[in-house]
N, C-alpha and C. Protein backbone atom coordinates (compact mmCIF):
# COMPACT_ATOMS: atom_id res chain seq x y z
N UNK A 1 25.60 -21.16 -17.10
CA UNK A 1 25.30 -19.84 -17.55
C UNK A 1 23.81 -19.64 -17.56
N UNK A 2 23.48 -18.45 -16.99
CA UNK A 2 22.11 -18.11 -16.88
C UNK A 2 21.53 -17.45 -18.06
N UNK A 3 20.26 -17.77 -18.44
CA UNK A 3 19.54 -17.33 -19.49
C UNK A 3 19.16 -15.84 -19.21
N UNK A 4 19.38 -15.07 -20.33
CA UNK A 4 19.02 -13.71 -20.23
C UNK A 4 17.87 -13.35 -21.07
N UNK A 5 17.37 -14.23 -21.85
CA UNK A 5 16.13 -14.07 -22.68
C UNK A 5 15.05 -14.29 -21.90
N UNK A 6 14.00 -13.09 -21.73
CA UNK A 6 12.98 -13.22 -20.91
C UNK A 6 11.87 -14.11 -21.38
N UNK A 7 11.93 -14.63 -22.69
CA UNK A 7 11.03 -15.54 -23.18
C UNK A 7 11.25 -16.87 -22.64
N UNK A 8 12.40 -17.16 -22.16
CA UNK A 8 12.74 -18.46 -21.60
C UNK A 8 12.04 -18.82 -20.25
N UNK A 9 11.63 -17.64 -19.48
CA UNK A 9 11.07 -17.83 -18.27
C UNK A 9 9.95 -16.96 -18.35
N UNK A 10 8.90 -17.30 -18.94
CA UNK A 10 7.62 -16.28 -18.92
C UNK A 10 7.15 -16.17 -17.61
N UNK A 11 6.72 -14.85 -17.45
CA UNK A 11 6.04 -14.61 -15.92
C UNK A 11 4.68 -15.21 -15.98
N UNK A 12 4.26 -15.36 -14.59
CA UNK A 12 2.89 -15.74 -14.35
C UNK A 12 1.97 -14.74 -14.85
N UNK A 13 0.78 -15.18 -15.25
CA UNK A 13 -0.30 -14.04 -15.60
C UNK A 13 -0.56 -13.40 -14.13
N UNK A 14 -0.72 -11.94 -14.37
CA UNK A 14 -1.00 -11.09 -13.25
C UNK A 14 -2.38 -11.26 -12.81
N UNK A 15 -2.56 -11.52 -11.42
CA UNK A 15 -3.84 -11.75 -10.86
C UNK A 15 -4.37 -10.42 -10.27
N UNK A 16 -5.79 -10.17 -10.21
CA UNK A 16 -6.08 -8.94 -9.58
C UNK A 16 -5.96 -8.94 -8.25
N UNK A 17 -5.49 -7.82 -7.73
CA UNK A 17 -5.22 -7.68 -6.35
C UNK A 17 -6.46 -7.79 -5.45
N UNK A 18 -6.42 -8.43 -4.19
CA UNK A 18 -7.48 -8.37 -3.20
C UNK A 18 -8.17 -6.95 -3.07
N UNK A 19 -7.24 -5.92 -3.08
CA UNK A 19 -7.72 -4.37 -2.82
C UNK A 19 -8.62 -4.12 -4.10
N UNK A 20 -8.20 -4.45 -5.38
CA UNK A 20 -8.87 -4.23 -6.51
C UNK A 20 -10.29 -4.94 -6.56
N UNK A 21 -10.12 -6.16 -6.14
CA UNK A 21 -11.40 -6.88 -6.10
C UNK A 21 -12.41 -6.36 -5.11
N UNK A 22 -11.87 -5.96 -3.99
CA UNK A 22 -12.83 -5.39 -2.84
C UNK A 22 -13.44 -4.11 -3.46
N UNK A 23 -12.55 -3.20 -4.20
CA UNK A 23 -13.12 -2.08 -4.87
C UNK A 23 -14.14 -2.48 -5.87
N UNK A 24 -14.17 -3.45 -6.43
CA UNK A 24 -15.21 -3.77 -7.40
C UNK A 24 -16.39 -4.64 -6.61
N UNK A 25 -16.52 -4.57 -5.28
CA UNK A 25 -17.73 -5.07 -4.73
C UNK A 25 -17.46 -6.53 -4.52
N UNK A 26 -16.21 -7.11 -4.41
CA UNK A 26 -16.10 -8.61 -4.36
C UNK A 26 -15.35 -8.78 -3.09
N UNK A 27 -15.54 -9.95 -2.58
CA UNK A 27 -14.90 -10.51 -1.31
C UNK A 27 -14.82 -11.80 -1.22
N UNK A 28 -13.72 -12.58 -0.66
CA UNK A 28 -13.69 -14.03 -0.47
C UNK A 28 -15.01 -14.44 0.31
N UNK A 29 -15.31 -15.84 -0.29
CA UNK A 29 -16.25 -16.63 0.32
C UNK A 29 -15.46 -17.79 1.04
N UNK A 30 -15.41 -17.81 2.21
CA UNK A 30 -14.58 -18.76 3.03
C UNK A 30 -15.58 -19.96 3.52
N UNK A 31 -15.51 -20.89 2.70
CA UNK A 31 -16.27 -22.20 2.93
C UNK A 31 -15.07 -23.36 2.95
N UNK A 32 -15.43 -24.39 3.54
CA UNK A 32 -14.57 -25.56 3.56
C UNK A 32 -15.37 -26.72 2.81
N UNK A 33 -14.90 -27.13 1.68
CA UNK A 33 -15.48 -28.34 0.88
C UNK A 33 -14.32 -29.33 0.86
N UNK A 34 -14.74 -30.59 0.62
CA UNK A 34 -13.80 -31.59 0.25
C UNK A 34 -12.91 -31.29 -0.87
N UNK A 35 -11.51 -31.78 -0.45
CA UNK A 35 -10.37 -31.52 -1.48
C UNK A 35 -10.81 -32.10 -3.04
N UNK A 36 -11.39 -33.24 -3.02
CA UNK A 36 -11.81 -33.72 -4.45
C UNK A 36 -12.73 -32.84 -4.98
N UNK A 37 -13.87 -32.30 -4.28
CA UNK A 37 -14.77 -31.47 -4.93
C UNK A 37 -14.05 -30.14 -5.35
N UNK A 38 -13.23 -29.69 -4.54
CA UNK A 38 -12.45 -28.50 -5.07
C UNK A 38 -11.58 -28.68 -6.29
N UNK A 39 -11.07 -29.70 -6.54
CA UNK A 39 -10.22 -29.99 -7.63
C UNK A 39 -11.05 -30.19 -8.83
N UNK A 40 -12.17 -30.78 -8.66
CA UNK A 40 -13.22 -31.06 -9.82
C UNK A 40 -13.70 -29.59 -10.25
N UNK A 41 -14.00 -28.99 -9.17
CA UNK A 41 -14.64 -27.51 -9.55
C UNK A 41 -13.71 -26.71 -10.28
N UNK A 42 -12.36 -26.62 -9.74
CA UNK A 42 -11.38 -25.85 -10.61
C UNK A 42 -11.09 -26.35 -11.90
N UNK A 43 -11.16 -27.64 -12.03
CA UNK A 43 -10.89 -28.25 -13.38
C UNK A 43 -11.98 -28.00 -14.32
N UNK A 44 -13.16 -28.12 -13.80
CA UNK A 44 -14.30 -27.81 -14.74
C UNK A 44 -14.36 -26.45 -14.98
N UNK A 45 -14.01 -25.40 -14.35
CA UNK A 45 -13.90 -24.06 -14.61
C UNK A 45 -12.80 -23.72 -15.69
N UNK A 46 -11.73 -24.44 -15.38
CA UNK A 46 -10.70 -24.27 -16.49
C UNK A 46 -11.14 -24.83 -17.86
N UNK A 47 -11.88 -26.05 -17.78
CA UNK A 47 -12.30 -26.52 -19.22
C UNK A 47 -13.08 -25.56 -19.77
N UNK A 48 -13.72 -24.78 -19.20
CA UNK A 48 -14.87 -23.68 -19.65
C UNK A 48 -14.20 -22.53 -19.88
N UNK A 49 -13.06 -22.34 -19.43
CA UNK A 49 -12.22 -21.05 -19.77
C UNK A 49 -12.81 -19.96 -18.77
N UNK A 50 -13.08 -20.46 -17.67
CA UNK A 50 -13.61 -19.49 -16.51
C UNK A 50 -12.50 -19.49 -15.43
N UNK A 51 -12.69 -18.39 -14.57
CA UNK A 51 -12.09 -18.46 -13.31
C UNK A 51 -13.17 -19.04 -12.18
N UNK A 52 -12.71 -19.69 -11.21
CA UNK A 52 -13.61 -20.27 -10.37
C UNK A 52 -14.73 -19.47 -9.85
N UNK A 53 -14.50 -18.10 -9.63
CA UNK A 53 -15.43 -17.20 -9.00
C UNK A 53 -16.45 -17.04 -10.26
N UNK A 54 -15.92 -16.98 -11.47
CA UNK A 54 -16.96 -16.71 -12.42
C UNK A 54 -17.96 -18.01 -12.66
N UNK A 55 -17.40 -19.14 -12.50
CA UNK A 55 -18.26 -20.23 -12.55
C UNK A 55 -19.23 -20.34 -11.50
N UNK A 56 -18.78 -19.99 -10.27
CA UNK A 56 -19.59 -19.99 -9.20
C UNK A 56 -20.75 -19.12 -9.37
N UNK A 57 -20.54 -17.76 -9.83
CA UNK A 57 -21.57 -16.90 -10.12
C UNK A 57 -22.60 -17.44 -11.18
N UNK A 58 -22.12 -18.14 -12.34
CA UNK A 58 -22.91 -18.79 -13.18
C UNK A 58 -23.80 -19.71 -12.49
N UNK A 59 -23.27 -20.62 -11.61
CA UNK A 59 -24.09 -21.56 -10.89
C UNK A 59 -25.09 -20.88 -10.01
N UNK A 60 -24.79 -19.94 -9.32
CA UNK A 60 -25.55 -19.24 -8.30
C UNK A 60 -26.68 -18.57 -9.11
N UNK A 61 -26.45 -17.79 -10.15
CA UNK A 61 -27.43 -17.38 -10.94
C UNK A 61 -28.54 -18.20 -11.33
N UNK A 62 -27.97 -19.42 -12.03
CA UNK A 62 -28.90 -20.56 -12.40
C UNK A 62 -29.68 -21.02 -11.21
N UNK A 63 -28.94 -21.27 -10.09
CA UNK A 63 -29.83 -21.59 -8.75
C UNK A 63 -30.85 -20.70 -8.56
N UNK A 64 -30.69 -19.42 -8.49
CA UNK A 64 -31.71 -18.39 -8.03
C UNK A 64 -32.80 -18.43 -9.23
N UNK A 65 -32.47 -18.47 -10.40
CA UNK A 65 -33.52 -18.61 -11.53
C UNK A 65 -34.44 -19.73 -11.35
N UNK A 66 -33.79 -21.04 -10.99
CA UNK A 66 -34.45 -22.17 -10.85
C UNK A 66 -35.51 -22.01 -9.57
N UNK A 67 -34.95 -21.39 -8.56
CA UNK A 67 -35.78 -21.26 -7.27
C UNK A 67 -36.96 -20.52 -7.75
N UNK A 68 -36.70 -19.33 -8.40
CA UNK A 68 -37.95 -18.50 -8.77
C UNK A 68 -38.85 -19.24 -9.67
N UNK A 69 -38.49 -19.96 -10.49
CA UNK A 69 -39.36 -20.75 -11.37
C UNK A 69 -40.11 -21.88 -10.51
N UNK A 70 -39.47 -22.42 -9.58
CA UNK A 70 -40.10 -23.49 -8.76
C UNK A 70 -41.14 -22.97 -7.80
N UNK A 71 -40.88 -21.57 -7.39
CA UNK A 71 -41.90 -20.90 -6.54
C UNK A 71 -43.00 -20.61 -7.30
N UNK A 72 -42.70 -19.99 -8.63
CA UNK A 72 -43.77 -19.69 -9.42
C UNK A 72 -44.79 -20.80 -9.72
N UNK A 73 -44.31 -22.09 -9.62
CA UNK A 73 -45.21 -23.10 -10.16
C UNK A 73 -45.53 -23.86 -8.77
N UNK A 74 -45.41 -23.22 -7.67
CA UNK A 74 -45.81 -23.63 -6.28
C UNK A 74 -45.06 -25.20 -5.86
N UNK A 75 -43.86 -25.26 -6.52
CA UNK A 75 -43.18 -26.49 -6.09
C UNK A 75 -42.47 -26.41 -4.76
N UNK A 76 -42.07 -25.01 -4.41
CA UNK A 76 -41.50 -24.71 -3.16
C UNK A 76 -42.39 -23.91 -2.23
N UNK A 77 -43.36 -23.41 -2.78
CA UNK A 77 -44.24 -22.64 -1.96
C UNK A 77 -43.69 -21.07 -1.92
N UNK A 78 -44.40 -20.37 -1.19
CA UNK A 78 -44.02 -18.81 -1.19
C UNK A 78 -42.49 -18.70 -0.66
N UNK A 79 -41.86 -17.62 -1.16
CA UNK A 79 -40.63 -17.27 -0.60
C UNK A 79 -40.58 -16.90 0.86
N UNK A 80 -39.66 -17.29 1.65
CA UNK A 80 -39.59 -17.02 3.07
C UNK A 80 -39.71 -15.64 3.26
N UNK A 81 -40.31 -15.24 4.54
CA UNK A 81 -40.32 -13.69 4.90
C UNK A 81 -38.86 -13.37 5.26
N UNK A 82 -38.46 -12.05 4.91
CA UNK A 82 -37.13 -11.76 5.29
C UNK A 82 -37.09 -11.49 6.83
N UNK A 83 -35.77 -11.81 7.39
CA UNK A 83 -35.49 -11.74 8.86
C UNK A 83 -35.49 -10.08 9.10
N UNK A 84 -36.03 -9.73 10.24
CA UNK A 84 -35.87 -8.29 10.66
C UNK A 84 -34.43 -7.74 10.50
N UNK A 85 -34.19 -6.64 9.72
CA UNK A 85 -33.02 -6.22 9.60
C UNK A 85 -32.26 -6.51 8.39
N UNK A 86 -32.80 -7.17 7.64
CA UNK A 86 -32.43 -7.58 6.22
C UNK A 86 -33.08 -6.76 5.32
N UNK A 87 -32.35 -6.57 4.16
CA UNK A 87 -32.97 -5.64 3.18
C UNK A 87 -33.48 -6.52 2.08
């Protein structure tokens, strides 16, 4: 006999649609990384209560801030000149 109680089979949480993400100025970052690194990254994000893209943005923001700090102290030298056509 099949269960009719919807609580017995909870639905998966709804994910944002790709269209919705694109409307918010987001798009996929298509990179290849070792499977073990991907698993560790996703597990770490879950432990922190973050989606992987949220953790990536935190890491990227910290990276950029660190680069600016290092350039300010001349550890890296001046920022490279932009390539013609880049904003």
